[in-house]
Protein backbone atom coordinates (compact mmCIF):
# COMPACT_ATOMS: atom_id res chain seq x y z
CA UNK A 1 -6.10 52.09 -43.14
CA UNK A 2 -9.63 52.93 -42.07
CA UNK A 3 -10.33 51.58 -38.60
CA UNK A 4 -13.88 52.65 -37.83
CA UNK A 5 -15.39 49.60 -39.51
CA UNK A 6 -13.55 47.17 -37.26
CA UNK A 7 -15.69 45.21 -34.82
CA UNK A 8 -13.94 41.80 -34.71
CA UNK A 9 -16.42 40.02 -32.45
CA UNK A 10 -19.78 41.42 -31.49
CA UNK A 11 -23.10 40.31 -30.12
CA UNK A 12 -24.91 41.34 -33.30
CA UNK A 13 -27.88 41.17 -31.02
CA UNK A 14 -30.87 42.87 -29.52
CA UNK A 15 -31.07 45.77 -27.07
CA UNK A 16 -34.78 45.96 -26.32
CA UNK A 17 -35.95 45.79 -22.72
CA UNK A 18 -37.13 42.28 -21.88
CA UNK A 19 -38.07 40.59 -18.63
CA UNK A 20 -36.98 37.05 -17.83
CA UNK A 21 -40.57 35.91 -17.99
CA UNK A 22 -41.05 37.37 -21.45
CA UNK A 23 -37.85 35.75 -22.57
CA UNK A 24 -38.17 32.21 -21.40
CA UNK A 25 -41.81 31.64 -20.49
CA UNK A 26 -42.31 28.50 -18.41
CA UNK A 27 -38.91 27.56 -16.98
CA UNK A 28 -40.05 24.06 -16.04
CA UNK A 29 -41.16 23.42 -19.60
CA UNK A 30 -37.82 24.53 -20.99
CA UNK A 31 -35.51 22.94 -18.44
CA UNK A 32 -37.27 19.67 -17.63
CA UNK A 33 -40.31 19.46 -19.87
CA UNK A 34 -41.05 19.10 -23.57
CA UNK A 35 -37.64 20.31 -24.62
CA UNK A 36 -36.11 17.08 -23.30
CA UNK A 37 -38.24 14.84 -25.47
CA UNK A 38 -36.42 13.23 -28.42
CA UNK A 39 -36.77 15.17 -31.65
CA UNK A 40 -38.29 13.67 -34.77
CA UNK A 41 -35.56 12.65 -37.21
CA UNK A 42 -37.56 13.46 -40.32
CA UNK A 43 -37.97 16.36 -42.78
CA UNK A 44 -40.31 19.22 -41.99
CA UNK A 45 -43.67 19.21 -43.68
CA UNK A 46 -43.59 20.42 -47.26
CA UNK A 47 -45.81 23.40 -46.47
CA UNK A 48 -43.63 24.86 -43.73
CA UNK A 49 -40.43 24.03 -45.62
CA UNK A 50 -41.75 25.89 -48.67
CA UNK A 51 -42.68 28.91 -46.58
CA UNK A 52 -39.25 28.99 -44.96
CA UNK A 53 -37.58 28.71 -48.36
CA UNK A 54 -39.66 31.58 -49.71
CA UNK A 55 -38.87 33.75 -46.68
CA UNK A 56 -35.13 33.19 -47.06
CA UNK A 57 -35.23 33.90 -50.79
CA UNK A 58 -37.12 37.14 -50.19
CA UNK A 59 -34.42 38.32 -47.76
CA UNK A 60 -31.40 37.31 -49.84
CA UNK A 61 -31.36 40.46 -52.03
CA UNK A 62 -31.27 42.59 -48.87
CA UNK A 63 -28.37 40.74 -47.25
CA UNK A 64 -24.73 41.37 -48.10
CA UNK A 65 -23.25 37.88 -48.16
CA UNK A 66 -22.18 35.44 -50.88
CA UNK A 67 -23.93 32.54 -49.17
CA UNK A 68 -26.00 31.23 -46.29
CA UNK A 69 -26.80 27.95 -44.59
CA UNK A 70 -30.12 27.91 -42.75
CA UNK A 71 -31.25 25.20 -40.35
CA UNK A 72 -34.54 24.79 -38.47
CA UNK A 73 -35.43 22.03 -36.00
CA UNK A 74 -38.98 21.65 -34.66
CA UNK A 75 -40.83 18.85 -32.85
CA UNK A 76 -42.24 17.95 -36.27
CA UNK A 77 -38.90 17.59 -38.05
CA UNK A 78 -35.95 19.48 -39.46
CA UNK A 79 -35.09 21.58 -42.51
CA UNK A 80 -31.64 22.58 -43.75
CA UNK A 81 -30.68 24.34 -46.95
CA UNK A 82 -27.80 26.27 -48.49
CA UNK A 83 -28.11 29.44 -50.57
CA UNK A 84 -25.64 31.29 -52.75
CA UNK A 85 -21.96 30.47 -53.03
CA UNK A 86 -19.34 29.33 -50.55
CA UNK A 87 -16.49 30.68 -52.68
CA UNK A 88 -17.07 33.82 -54.77
CA UNK A 89 -13.95 33.09 -56.81
CA UNK A 90 -15.07 29.63 -57.96
CA UNK A 91 -18.83 29.87 -57.63
CA UNK A 92 -18.96 26.69 -55.53
CA UNK A 93 -22.37 26.42 -53.84
CA UNK A 94 -23.01 26.92 -50.14
CA UNK A 95 -24.31 23.62 -48.75
CA UNK A 96 -25.19 22.27 -45.30
CA UNK A 97 -22.22 20.61 -43.64
CA UNK A 98 -19.74 23.38 -44.45
CA UNK A 99 -17.67 24.83 -41.63
CA UNK A 100 -17.66 28.53 -40.78
CA UNK A 101 -16.26 30.61 -37.95
CA UNK A 102 -19.00 31.27 -35.38
CA UNK A 103 -17.52 34.31 -33.61
CA UNK A 104 -19.22 35.34 -30.38
CA UNK A 105 -21.32 32.18 -30.19
CA UNK A 106 -18.06 30.94 -28.64
CA UNK A 107 -18.89 33.08 -25.59
CA UNK A 108 -21.78 30.78 -24.75
CA UNK A 109 -19.42 27.79 -24.63
CA UNK A 110 -17.06 29.67 -22.31
CA UNK A 111 -19.94 30.81 -20.11
CA UNK A 112 -21.34 27.29 -19.94
CA UNK A 113 -18.02 25.92 -18.71
CA UNK A 114 -17.87 28.61 -16.01
CA UNK A 115 -21.36 27.53 -14.87
CA UNK A 116 -20.31 23.87 -14.92
CA UNK A 117 -17.37 24.70 -12.65
CA UNK A 118 -19.67 26.69 -10.35
CA UNK A 119 -22.12 23.80 -10.26
CA UNK A 120 -19.29 21.47 -9.29
CA UNK A 121 -18.21 23.81 -6.48
CA UNK A 122 -14.84 24.58 -8.06
CA UNK A 123 -15.55 28.31 -8.17
CA UNK A 124 -18.31 30.76 -7.30
CA UNK A 125 -19.93 33.23 -9.67
CA UNK A 126 -19.40 35.77 -6.89
CA UNK A 127 -15.63 35.23 -6.84
CA UNK A 128 -13.72 38.32 -7.93
CA UNK A 129 -11.47 38.25 -10.96
CA UNK A 130 -8.52 39.35 -8.79
CA UNK A 131 -8.61 35.88 -7.21
CA UNK A 132 -7.51 34.46 -10.56
CA UNK A 133 -6.01 37.24 -12.69
CA UNK A 134 -3.96 40.16 -11.36
CA UNK A 135 -3.80 43.69 -12.65
CA UNK A 136 -7.41 44.29 -13.73
CA UNK A 137 -8.66 47.74 -12.64
CA UNK A 138 -11.30 47.27 -9.89
CA UNK A 139 -10.48 43.56 -10.09
CA UNK A 140 -11.10 43.08 -6.36
CA UNK A 141 -14.71 44.21 -6.93
CA UNK A 142 -15.51 42.67 -10.31
CA UNK A 143 -17.16 39.26 -10.04
CA UNK A 144 -17.21 36.39 -12.49
CA UNK A 145 -20.96 36.92 -12.74
CA UNK A 146 -20.39 40.51 -13.88
CA UNK A 147 -17.88 39.33 -16.47
CA UNK A 148 -20.39 36.80 -17.79
CA UNK A 149 -23.30 39.27 -17.98
CA UNK A 150 -21.22 42.13 -19.42
CA UNK A 151 -21.58 44.51 -16.46
CA UNK A 152 -17.95 44.45 -15.27
CA UNK A 153 -16.85 47.81 -16.64
CA UNK A 154 -13.76 46.21 -18.19
CA UNK A 155 -13.28 47.71 -21.65
CA UNK A 156 -13.09 45.53 -24.73
CA UNK A 157 -9.60 45.20 -26.14
CA UNK A 158 -11.19 45.46 -29.58
CA UNK A 159 -12.05 49.09 -28.73
CA UNK A 160 -8.34 49.91 -28.63
CA UNK A 161 -7.09 51.77 -31.69
CA UNK A 162 -3.54 50.38 -31.42
CA UNK A 163 -4.89 46.82 -31.22
CA UNK A 164 -7.21 47.32 -34.21
CA UNK A 165 -4.42 48.81 -36.31
CA UNK A 166 -2.05 45.98 -35.41
CA UNK A 167 -4.64 43.26 -36.07
CA UNK A 168 -5.90 44.57 -39.40
CA UNK A 169 -2.37 45.34 -40.55
CA UNK A 170 -1.18 41.85 -39.61
CA UNK A 171 -4.20 39.52 -39.67
CA UNK A 172 -1.87 36.53 -39.37
CA UNK A 173 -0.42 37.71 -36.06
CA UNK A 174 -0.87 35.46 -33.02
CA UNK A 175 -1.94 37.11 -29.76
CA UNK A 176 -1.93 35.36 -26.39
CA UNK A 177 -4.61 36.21 -23.81
CA UNK A 178 -1.93 37.90 -21.70
CA UNK A 179 -0.99 40.09 -24.68
CA UNK A 180 -4.61 41.17 -25.19
CA UNK A 181 -5.23 42.40 -21.64
CA UNK A 182 -3.04 45.56 -21.71
CA UNK A 183 -5.14 46.97 -24.57
CA UNK A 184 -8.22 46.66 -22.35
CA UNK A 185 -6.59 47.74 -19.09
CA UNK A 186 -5.53 51.03 -20.63
CA UNK A 187 -9.20 51.89 -21.27
CA UNK A 188 -10.65 50.52 -18.02
CA UNK A 189 -12.70 50.92 -15.95
CA UNK A 190 -15.59 52.22 -18.00
CA UNK A 191 -17.91 52.40 -14.97
CA UNK A 192 -18.46 51.01 -11.49
CA UNK A 193 -18.70 47.19 -11.49
CA UNK A 194 -22.33 46.18 -11.96
CA UNK A 195 -23.56 49.69 -12.70
CA UNK A 196 -24.04 49.42 -16.47
CA UNK A 197 -23.96 47.04 -19.41
CA UNK A 198 -21.15 47.15 -21.95
CA UNK A 199 -20.47 44.28 -24.34
CA UNK A 200 -16.78 43.53 -23.94
CA UNK A 201 -14.74 40.75 -25.49
CA UNK A 202 -12.23 41.11 -22.66
CA UNK A 203 -14.82 39.79 -20.19
CA UNK A 204 -14.87 36.41 -21.91
CA UNK A 205 -11.10 36.31 -22.39
CA UNK A 206 -10.81 36.70 -18.61
CA UNK A 207 -13.32 33.90 -18.05
CA UNK A 208 -11.22 31.68 -20.28
CA UNK A 209 -8.17 32.46 -18.16
CA UNK A 210 -10.16 31.57 -15.03
CA UNK A 211 -11.16 28.23 -16.55
CA UNK A 212 -7.55 27.32 -17.30
CA UNK A 213 -6.41 28.36 -13.82
CA UNK A 214 -9.14 26.42 -11.99
CA UNK A 215 -8.81 23.24 -14.07
CA UNK A 216 -5.03 23.39 -14.73
CA UNK A 217 -5.88 22.30 -18.27
CA UNK A 218 -5.91 24.02 -21.67
CA UNK A 219 -9.28 25.51 -22.56
CA UNK A 220 -9.59 23.15 -25.54
CA UNK A 221 -9.36 20.12 -23.24
CA UNK A 222 -12.06 21.41 -20.90
CA UNK A 223 -14.23 22.39 -23.86
CA UNK A 224 -14.02 18.89 -25.29
CA UNK A 225 -14.81 17.06 -22.06
CA UNK A 226 -17.45 19.51 -20.85
CA UNK A 227 -19.42 20.26 -24.02
CA UNK A 228 -18.24 18.74 -27.30
CA UNK A 229 -18.17 15.10 -26.20
CA UNK A 230 -21.37 15.11 -24.09
CA UNK A 231 -23.29 16.64 -27.01
CA UNK A 232 -21.51 14.67 -29.75
CA UNK A 233 -20.38 17.83 -31.55
CA UNK A 234 -17.95 16.30 -34.03
CA UNK A 235 -17.79 19.28 -36.41
CA UNK A 236 -17.11 21.94 -33.78
CA UNK A 237 -13.41 22.77 -33.82
CA UNK A 238 -11.10 24.78 -31.57
CA UNK A 239 -8.44 25.96 -34.06
CA UNK A 240 -6.00 27.52 -31.59
CA UNK A 241 -3.52 29.57 -33.61
CA UNK A 242 -4.04 27.41 -36.70
CA UNK A 243 -5.56 29.21 -39.68
CA UNK A 244 -6.57 26.10 -41.63
CA UNK A 245 -10.22 25.05 -41.75
CA UNK A 246 -11.57 21.51 -41.60
CA UNK A 247 -13.09 20.61 -44.97
CA UNK A 248 -15.52 21.48 -46.35
CA UNK A 249 -15.56 25.18 -45.48
CA UNK A 250 -16.89 28.46 -46.82
CA UNK A 251 -14.63 31.37 -47.76
CA UNK A 252 -15.44 34.49 -45.70
CA UNK A 253 -15.43 38.05 -47.01
CA UNK A 254 -15.24 41.38 -45.15
CA UNK A 255 -14.90 45.12 -45.59
CA UNK A 256 -12.86 45.36 -42.40
CA UNK A 257 -9.42 46.87 -42.86
CA UNK A 258 -10.16 48.45 -46.24
CA UNK A 259 -8.48 51.77 -46.97
CA UNK A 260 -11.42 53.30 -48.83
CA UNK A 261 -15.09 52.71 -49.55
CA UNK A 262 -14.25 51.74 -53.12
CA UNK A 263 -11.99 48.86 -52.11
CA UNK A 264 -13.38 45.39 -52.84
CA UNK A 265 -14.21 43.01 -50.04
CA UNK A 266 -11.24 41.19 -48.51
CA UNK A 267 -11.06 37.42 -48.08
CA UNK A 268 -10.70 36.83 -44.33
CA UNK A 269 -10.98 33.03 -44.27
CA UNK A 270 -7.50 32.37 -42.94
CA UNK A 271 -7.01 35.37 -40.70
CA UNK A 272 -5.51 34.08 -37.49
CA UNK A 273 -8.23 33.38 -34.88
CA UNK A 274 -5.95 33.43 -31.83
CA UNK A 275 -6.86 37.03 -30.93
CA UNK A 276 -10.46 35.88 -30.46
CA UNK A 277 -9.64 33.02 -28.08
CA UNK A 278 -12.50 32.18 -25.70
CA UNK A 279 -14.50 35.20 -26.93
CA UNK A 280 -14.87 34.04 -30.53
CA UNK A 281 -12.49 31.41 -31.87
CA UNK A 282 -14.69 28.39 -32.59
CA UNK A 283 -15.59 26.83 -35.96
CA UNK A 284 -18.74 24.76 -36.44
CA UNK A 285 -21.37 23.36 -38.83
CA UNK A 286 -25.15 23.66 -39.10
CA UNK A 287 -25.85 20.21 -37.61
CA UNK A 288 -23.72 20.90 -34.55
CA UNK A 289 -25.17 24.38 -34.11
CA UNK A 290 -28.72 23.04 -34.08
CA UNK A 291 -27.86 20.43 -31.45
CA UNK A 292 -25.91 22.91 -29.36
CA UNK A 293 -28.46 25.74 -29.48
CA UNK A 294 -31.18 23.50 -28.04
CA UNK A 295 -28.89 22.14 -25.33
CA UNK A 296 -27.67 25.64 -24.49
CA UNK A 297 -31.20 26.91 -23.85
CA UNK A 298 -32.50 23.82 -22.04
CA UNK A 299 -29.32 22.78 -20.22
CA UNK A 300 -29.70 19.23 -21.41
CA UNK A 301 -26.42 17.27 -21.00
CA UNK A 302 -24.71 20.51 -19.95
CA UNK A 303 -26.14 21.82 -16.67
CA UNK A 304 -28.49 20.64 -13.97
CA UNK A 305 -31.98 22.19 -13.60
CA UNK A 306 -30.97 24.49 -10.72
CA UNK A 307 -28.00 26.05 -12.50
CA UNK A 308 -29.82 26.23 -15.83
CA UNK A 309 -32.75 27.89 -14.08
CA UNK A 310 -30.40 30.49 -12.63
CA UNK A 311 -29.02 31.13 -16.10
CA UNK A 312 -32.45 31.57 -17.61
CA UNK A 313 -33.42 33.99 -14.85
CA UNK A 314 -30.31 36.10 -15.39
CA UNK A 315 -31.61 38.26 -18.25
CA UNK A 316 -31.93 41.73 -16.84
CA UNK A 317 -31.87 45.39 -17.75
CA UNK A 318 -32.37 46.89 -21.19
CA UNK A 319 -29.81 44.69 -22.91
CA UNK A 320 -31.59 41.35 -22.49
CA UNK A 321 -28.20 39.78 -21.75
CA UNK A 322 -27.67 37.19 -19.04
CA UNK A 323 -24.92 34.73 -18.12
CA UNK A 324 -23.16 34.56 -21.50
CA UNK A 325 -26.57 34.22 -23.14
CA UNK A 326 -29.05 36.55 -24.80
CA UNK A 327 -32.82 36.65 -24.98
CA UNK A 328 -35.11 38.42 -27.41
CA UNK A 329 -38.84 37.89 -27.37
CA UNK A 330 -39.27 34.16 -26.76
CA UNK A 331 -35.89 33.33 -28.32
CA UNK A 332 -32.84 32.34 -26.27
CA UNK A 333 -29.37 32.14 -27.79
CA UNK A 334 -26.55 34.25 -29.16
CA UNK A 335 -25.11 35.69 -32.32
CA UNK A 336 -21.58 35.87 -33.62
CA UNK A 337 -19.55 38.14 -35.84
CA UNK A 338 -15.94 37.81 -36.90
CA UNK A 339 -14.21 39.12 -40.03
CA UNK A 340 -15.76 37.15 -42.88
CA UNK A 341 -18.61 35.43 -41.03
CA UNK A 342 -21.81 35.94 -39.04
CA UNK A 343 -23.79 33.33 -37.13
CA UNK A 344 -27.14 33.10 -35.34
CA UNK A 345 -28.34 30.40 -32.95
CA UNK A 346 -31.71 30.83 -31.22
CA UNK A 347 -34.09 28.48 -29.43
CA UNK A 348 -37.78 29.19 -28.83
CA UNK A 349 -38.87 27.69 -25.54
CA UNK A 350 -42.56 28.12 -26.30
CA UNK A 351 -42.44 25.93 -29.39
CA UNK A 352 -39.28 23.82 -28.86
CA UNK A 353 -37.94 25.27 -32.11
CA UNK A 354 -34.28 25.87 -32.94
CA UNK A 355 -32.86 28.10 -35.67
CA UNK A 356 -29.21 28.23 -36.77
CA UNK A 357 -27.83 30.38 -39.58
CA UNK A 358 -24.33 30.65 -41.03
CA UNK A 359 -23.24 33.42 -43.42
CA UNK A 360 -19.85 33.86 -45.07
CA UNK A 361 -19.80 37.65 -44.64
CA UNK A 362 -19.85 40.19 -41.81
CA UNK A 363 -20.84 43.09 -44.06
CA UNK A 364 -23.86 45.06 -42.79
CA UNK A 365 -26.56 46.13 -45.19
CA UNK A 366 -29.45 48.55 -45.06
CA UNK A 367 -29.78 51.96 -43.46
CA UNK A 368 -26.82 51.73 -41.07
CA UNK A 369 -26.21 54.86 -39.01
CA UNK A 370 -22.50 54.16 -38.62
CA UNK A 371 -21.88 54.06 -42.38
CA UNK A 372 -20.87 57.71 -42.48
CA UNK A 373 -18.39 57.01 -39.69
CA UNK A 374 -16.55 54.50 -41.81
CA UNK A 375 -18.60 51.32 -41.49
CA UNK A 376 -19.21 50.40 -45.11
CA UNK A 377 -22.58 48.94 -45.95
CA UNK A 378 -24.02 47.10 -48.89
CA UNK A 379 -27.47 46.28 -50.15
CA UNK A 380 -30.75 48.16 -49.92
CA UNK A 381 -30.46 51.35 -47.85
CA UNK A 382 -34.25 51.60 -47.48
CA UNK A 383 -34.41 48.74 -44.97
CA UNK A 384 -33.15 48.61 -41.39
CA UNK A 385 -29.49 47.93 -40.75
CA UNK A 386 -28.64 44.28 -40.21
CA UNK A 387 -25.77 41.85 -40.43
CA UNK A 388 -26.26 38.96 -42.86
CA UNK A 389 -27.20 36.07 -40.58
CA UNK A 390 -29.54 38.24 -38.51
CA UNK A 391 -31.26 39.45 -41.68
CA UNK A 392 -32.17 35.87 -42.53
CA UNK A 393 -33.20 35.02 -38.97
CA UNK A 394 -35.68 37.88 -38.95
CA UNK A 395 -37.12 36.59 -42.22
CA UNK A 396 -37.81 33.07 -40.94
CA UNK A 397 -38.61 33.75 -37.27
CA UNK A 398 -42.18 35.02 -37.87
CA UNK A 399 -43.02 31.68 -39.45
CA UNK A 400 -41.88 29.99 -36.25
CA UNK A 401 -44.12 32.10 -33.99
CA UNK A 402 -41.80 34.86 -32.84
CA UNK A 403 -39.45 37.43 -34.34
CA UNK A 404 -36.57 39.64 -33.26
CA UNK A 405 -35.24 43.09 -33.96
CA UNK A 406 -32.43 43.45 -36.47
CA UNK A 407 -30.54 45.98 -34.37
CA UNK A 408 -26.87 45.14 -34.14
CA UNK A 409 -24.28 45.77 -31.50
CA UNK A 410 -20.64 46.49 -32.20
């Protein structure tokens, strides 16, 4: 079994140097201004909708995915459309309303709950992880803030060869958070707490454990009361160790776990999500993602202006990564990758515009440098490397005033 292609959950994001000001512009406008005005419940103008449709269609041949769902929400209205197929075996079309796994977008939910608990005085972002979870190397120096902004130095359990081999060999296996930690502890610390940036799934697993300890409730319960119910997210599902999807859903395909480059893509739809837990387990739909992405960036119905302002000022260093949130250009949001699926949610604070994209593949395409190391690619090798959902985002973003790099992170 070839392991180099395995990434499980990644940021799929941007690594260009960005200042907080470049990222978010006028904080007052985003947190308490135009972004809190009701959106128009009507279709986008025919001209912009046609341009968006053309941009997506031009990018489809370059992206390695059976299907996509693209959603755009602006002050002037919304546009949603499906492309390709949701099930390669049957040819069923990809249509808005279908559920997909959203991977690391889950991290933003976990980070938001941590900030809600901090806002309520139930914890401090400067608490150390050793106050809640024992046995983490340098745990008496690593803060919750450093876990949230990926500067803790705790290695990702998905970087462990034994874990990868076990997961890909038994994709139905259930892992508990406590079972995931030893894979990370063995590789930690990577550096002094706060000294560098390293995207680690273990960071968000630990934050999930903190949430359960502070609230004395299962994460799913806190998620529902803190985010899903306030925002009315009826299609966003915490599957736990269940592998079934709510209907309708798209089948997801992946190269991960293949033995050779000639092997066909694997269907990963029902691989057990428990090993992703609070770092990448959620399932959602395009309508919910559009609502959530705007609330995530503005704080509306999630966080007060002071705490949301702190979050939007947290983007620092070359990674453009803040408190479980990413910025690129004028866009604020996150991306997600899990075997079989990629997701993008971004909000533009300058134009009050939200973009959400679902793809039923995690297969990179283009000129990907890691291909010769075992990361299979598909599509046109003359274009830059990109994962499917990010490829489509970069096609539509210029029409919505800003764009982003297609560089991915694994």
